[in-house]
Structures are given as C-alpha cells and as structure tokens.
Amino acid sequence: VQLQASGGGLVQPGGSLRLSCAASGSILSVGDMAWYRQFPGKQRELVASITSGGRATYVDSVKGRFTISRESAKTVSLQMNSLKLEDTAVYYCNVRDRQTRSVYWGQGTQVTVSS
C-alpha cells in the first residue's frame, strides 16, 4: 500500500492550501483516513480524521479553518484556510485497514506559512 500526498507549499498568513492524498494498493477494509502534522523536534500530532462514513473530527487549533473531506474510499483532502504561522509543519496522511489493523502513511508534504 502506498499513499501519495501532494499540495504543500509556501503561503502567506491568511492564505489557503489544499492537501490531497491518494492510497493505492490492496487494503482489505478501508477505515479512517487522517492528516497529521509534525513540527520540528516534536512528535506527530493528529490534525483531522474522517471515517469511511464521512464523520470528521478536528484538533481544536484548526476547527473552523480546516476541512477534511473524502473524495473516495482511498482519497482524502485537507482544505486549509486562514493559515497561521503556527500551522507550518510537515503534513502526513494515513489510512487504516480495519481488517488487519495496519496503518499506512504517506511521505509527508511541507506546509510553510510565512510573510
């Protein structure tokens, strides 16, 4: 299973970016998909997740600014609006296989918010 993330880049404060992630390969039972981010020297933290049924959850710091969506069973996006300097991080997507309980990760995409 491979996950390909795209859409990162450099944006000014207040700007927007859209991250996309597509999984390929054999996943026996596709479960939740999620976006995490990692700040330098810190552990990865959950940003948003979405169930196979479309129920989304967000970390408090991004509520009202970020929207996670699922275009298909194996694709997930993260629309990030009103970006702040503190959103600068490497963003990772993942997908869970409900049957095997495996978690697969994408390669990470850099988001830099800077004036």
C-alpha atoms as a PDB file:
ATOM      1  CA  VAL A   1       0.000   0.000   0.000  1.00  0.00           C
ATOM      2  CA  GLN A   2       1.307   3.447  -0.913  1.00  0.00           C
ATOM      3  CA  LEU A   3      -0.038   6.869  -0.084  1.00  0.00           C
ATOM      4  CA  GLN A   4       0.862   9.829  -2.249  1.00  0.00           C
ATOM      5  CA  ALA A   5       0.393  13.232  -0.675  1.00  0.00           C
ATOM      6  CA  SER A   6       0.535  16.495  -2.584  1.00  0.00           C
ATOM      7  CA  GLY A   7      -0.407  20.143  -2.315  1.00  0.00           C
ATOM      8  CA  GLY A   8       2.026  21.540   0.203  1.00  0.00           C
ATOM      9  CA  GLY A   9       3.916  24.741  -0.365  1.00  0.00           C
ATOM     10  CA  LEU A  10       4.615  28.263   0.786  1.00  0.00           C
ATOM     11  CA  VAL A  11       1.730  30.580   1.599  1.00  0.00           C
ATOM     12  CA  GLN A  12       1.306  33.888   3.378  1.00  0.00           C
ATOM     13  CA  PRO A  13      -0.600  34.163   6.653  1.00  0.00           C
ATOM     14  CA  GLY A  14      -4.306  34.186   5.969  1.00  0.00           C
ATOM     15  CA  GLY A  15      -3.887  32.225   2.780  1.00  0.00           C
ATOM     16  CA  SER A  16      -5.165  28.801   1.783  1.00  0.00           C
ATOM     17  CA  LEU A  17      -3.780  25.481   0.661  1.00  0.00           C
ATOM     18  CA  ARG A  18      -5.383  22.200  -0.236  1.00  0.00           C
ATOM     19  CA  LEU A  19      -3.621  18.932   0.511  1.00  0.00           C
ATOM     20  CA  SER A  20      -4.572  15.741  -1.258  1.00  0.00           C
ATOM     21  CA  CYS A  21      -3.712  12.141  -0.541  1.00  0.00           C
ATOM     22  CA  ALA A  22      -4.411   9.032  -2.580  1.00  0.00           C
ATOM     23  CA  ALA A  23      -3.871   5.470  -1.448  1.00  0.00           C
ATOM     24  CA  SER A  24      -3.066   2.695  -3.855  1.00  0.00           C
ATOM     25  CA  GLY A  25      -2.628  -0.999  -3.379  1.00  0.00           C
ATOM     26  CA  SER A  26      -4.593  -3.626  -1.553  1.00  0.00           C
ATOM     27  CA  ILE A  27      -6.401  -2.548   1.602  1.00  0.00           C
ATOM     28  CA  LEU A  28      -8.732  -5.273   2.805  1.00  0.00           C
ATOM     29  CA  SER A  29     -11.155  -2.964   4.584  1.00  0.00           C
ATOM     30  CA  VAL A  30     -10.551   0.752   4.254  1.00  0.00           C
ATOM     31  CA  GLY A  31     -11.235   2.544   7.506  1.00  0.00           C
ATOM     32  CA  ASP A  32     -10.489   6.001   8.798  1.00  0.00           C
ATOM     33  CA  MET A  33      -8.215   8.367   6.941  1.00  0.00           C
ATOM     34  CA  ALA A  34      -6.442  11.193   8.658  1.00  0.00           C
ATOM     35  CA  TRP A  35      -3.986  14.054   8.423  1.00  0.00           C
ATOM     36  CA  TYR A  36      -1.239  14.525  10.959  1.00  0.00           C
ATOM     37  CA  ARG A  37       1.449  17.158  11.205  1.00  0.00           C
ATOM     38  CA  GLN A  38       4.862  17.278  12.739  1.00  0.00           C
ATOM     39  CA  PHE A  39       6.649  20.366  13.986  1.00  0.00           C
ATOM     40  CA  PRO A  40      10.447  20.352  14.155  1.00  0.00           C
ATOM     41  CA  GLY A  41      11.600  18.418  17.180  1.00  0.00           C
ATOM     42  CA  LYS A  42       8.073  17.380  18.098  1.00  0.00           C
ATOM     43  CA  GLN A  43       6.001  14.238  17.782  1.00  0.00           C
ATOM     44  CA  ARG A  44       3.445  13.896  15.068  1.00  0.00           C
ATOM     45  CA  GLU A  45       0.015  15.199  16.079  1.00  0.00           C
ATOM     46  CA  LEU A  46      -3.424  14.484  14.720  1.00  0.00           C
ATOM     47  CA  VAL A  47      -4.930  17.364  12.763  1.00  0.00           C
ATOM     48  CA  ALA A  48      -8.126  15.836  11.409  1.00  0.00           C
ATOM     49  CA  SER A  49      -9.618  12.449  10.715  1.00  0.00           C
ATOM     50  CA  ILE A  50     -12.590  11.184   8.786  1.00  0.00           C
ATOM     51  CA  THR A  51     -14.388   7.875   8.972  1.00  0.00           C
ATOM     52  CA  SER A  52     -15.427   5.807   5.985  1.00  0.00           C
ATOM     53  CA  GLY A  53     -18.904   7.167   6.595  1.00  0.00           C
ATOM     54  CA  GLY A  54     -17.731  10.767   6.405  1.00  0.00           C
ATOM     55  CA  ARG A  55     -17.721  11.767  10.063  1.00  0.00           C
ATOM     56  CA  ALA A  56     -14.908  14.239  10.691  1.00  0.00           C
ATOM     57  CA  THR A  57     -13.049  15.289  13.804  1.00  0.00           C
ATOM     58  CA  TYR A  58     -10.511  18.079  14.247  1.00  0.00           C
ATOM     59  CA  VAL A  59      -7.935  19.226  16.731  1.00  0.00           C
ATOM     60  CA  ASP A  60      -9.156  22.394  18.437  1.00  0.00           C
ATOM     61  CA  SER A  61      -6.482  24.609  16.897  1.00  0.00           C
ATOM     62  CA  VAL A  62      -7.787  24.069  13.348  1.00  0.00           C
ATOM     63  CA  LYS A  63     -11.547  23.948  13.924  1.00  0.00           C
ATOM     64  CA  GLY A  64     -13.335  26.385  11.681  1.00  0.00           C
ATOM     65  CA  ARG A  65     -10.288  26.798   9.440  1.00  0.00           C
ATOM     66  CA  PHE A  66      -9.530  23.320   8.088  1.00  0.00           C
ATOM     67  CA  THR A  67     -11.918  20.921   6.385  1.00  0.00           C
ATOM     68  CA  ILE A  68     -11.176  17.258   5.782  1.00  0.00           C
ATOM     69  CA  SER A  69     -13.075  15.500   3.041  1.00  0.00           C
ATOM     70  CA  ARG A  70     -13.094  12.146   1.406  1.00  0.00           C
ATOM     71  CA  GLU A  71     -13.470  12.022  -2.353  1.00  0.00           C
ATOM     72  CA  SER A  72     -13.465   8.239  -2.499  1.00  0.00           C
ATOM     73  CA  ALA A  73     -12.684   5.299  -0.283  1.00  0.00           C
ATOM     74  CA  LYS A  74      -8.973   5.840  -0.808  1.00  0.00           C
ATOM     75  CA  THR A  75      -8.596   9.574  -1.275  1.00  0.00           C
ATOM     76  CA  VAL A  76      -8.675  12.308   1.306  1.00  0.00           C
ATOM     77  CA  SER A  77      -8.136  16.040   1.166  1.00  0.00           C
ATOM     78  CA  LEU A  78      -7.492  18.774   3.678  1.00  0.00           C
ATOM     79  CA  GLN A  79      -8.634  22.268   2.798  1.00  0.00           C
ATOM     80  CA  MET A  80      -6.697  24.713   4.934  1.00  0.00           C
ATOM     81  CA  ASN A  81      -7.956  28.286   5.128  1.00  0.00           C
ATOM     82  CA  SER A  82      -6.877  31.254   7.223  1.00  0.00           C
ATOM     83  CA  LEU A  83      -3.464  29.716   7.651  1.00  0.00           C
ATOM     84  CA  LYS A  84      -1.328  30.905  10.526  1.00  0.00           C
ATOM     85  CA  LEU A  85       2.418  30.939  11.096  1.00  0.00           C
ATOM     86  CA  GLU A  86       1.960  28.160  13.634  1.00  0.00           C
ATOM     87  CA  ASP A  87       0.487  25.848  11.005  1.00  0.00           C
ATOM     88  CA  THR A  88       3.942  25.488   9.483  1.00  0.00           C
ATOM     89  CA  ALA A  89       4.811  21.796   9.633  1.00  0.00           C
ATOM     90  CA  VAL A  90       5.215  18.645   7.607  1.00  0.00           C
ATOM     91  CA  TYR A  91       1.796  17.151   6.976  1.00  0.00           C
ATOM     92  CA  TYR A  92       1.237  13.406   6.679  1.00  0.00           C
ATOM     93  CA  CYS A  93      -1.791  11.420   5.623  1.00  0.00           C
ATOM     94  CA  ASN A  94      -2.637   7.928   6.739  1.00  0.00           C
ATOM     95  CA  VAL A  95      -5.217   5.246   6.231  1.00  0.00           C
ATOM     96  CA  ARG A  96      -6.275   2.402   8.487  1.00  0.00           C
ATOM     97  CA  ASP A  97      -7.089  -1.106   7.380  1.00  0.00           C
ATOM     98  CA  ARG A  98      -9.932  -2.187   9.664  1.00  0.00           C
ATOM     99  CA  GLN A  99      -9.408  -5.863   8.985  1.00  0.00           C
ATOM    100  CA  THR A 100      -5.655  -6.106   9.540  1.00  0.00           C
ATOM    101  CA  ARG A 101      -5.452  -3.044  11.835  1.00  0.00           C
ATOM    102  CA  SER A 102      -2.497  -1.843   9.811  1.00  0.00           C
ATOM    103  CA  VAL A 103      -1.845   1.862   9.421  1.00  0.00           C
ATOM    104  CA  TYR A 104      -0.216   3.160   6.276  1.00  0.00           C
ATOM    105  CA  TRP A 105       1.479   6.554   5.973  1.00  0.00           C
ATOM    106  CA  GLY A 106       2.217   8.929   3.153  1.00  0.00           C
ATOM    107  CA  GLN A 107       5.600  10.543   2.654  1.00  0.00           C
ATOM    108  CA  GLY A 108       4.774  13.947   4.114  1.00  0.00           C
ATOM    109  CA  THR A 109       4.352  17.296   2.457  1.00  0.00           C
ATOM    110  CA  GLN A 110       5.799  20.565   3.737  1.00  0.00           C
ATOM    111  CA  VAL A 111       3.459  23.439   4.511  1.00  0.00           C
ATOM    112  CA  THR A 112       5.174  26.736   5.242  1.00  0.00           C
ATOM    113  CA  VAL A 113       3.237  29.801   6.308  1.00  0.00           C
ATOM    114  CA  SER A 114       5.421  32.860   6.142  1.00  0.00           C
ATOM    115  CA  SER A 115       5.193  36.522   5.273  1.00  0.00           C
END
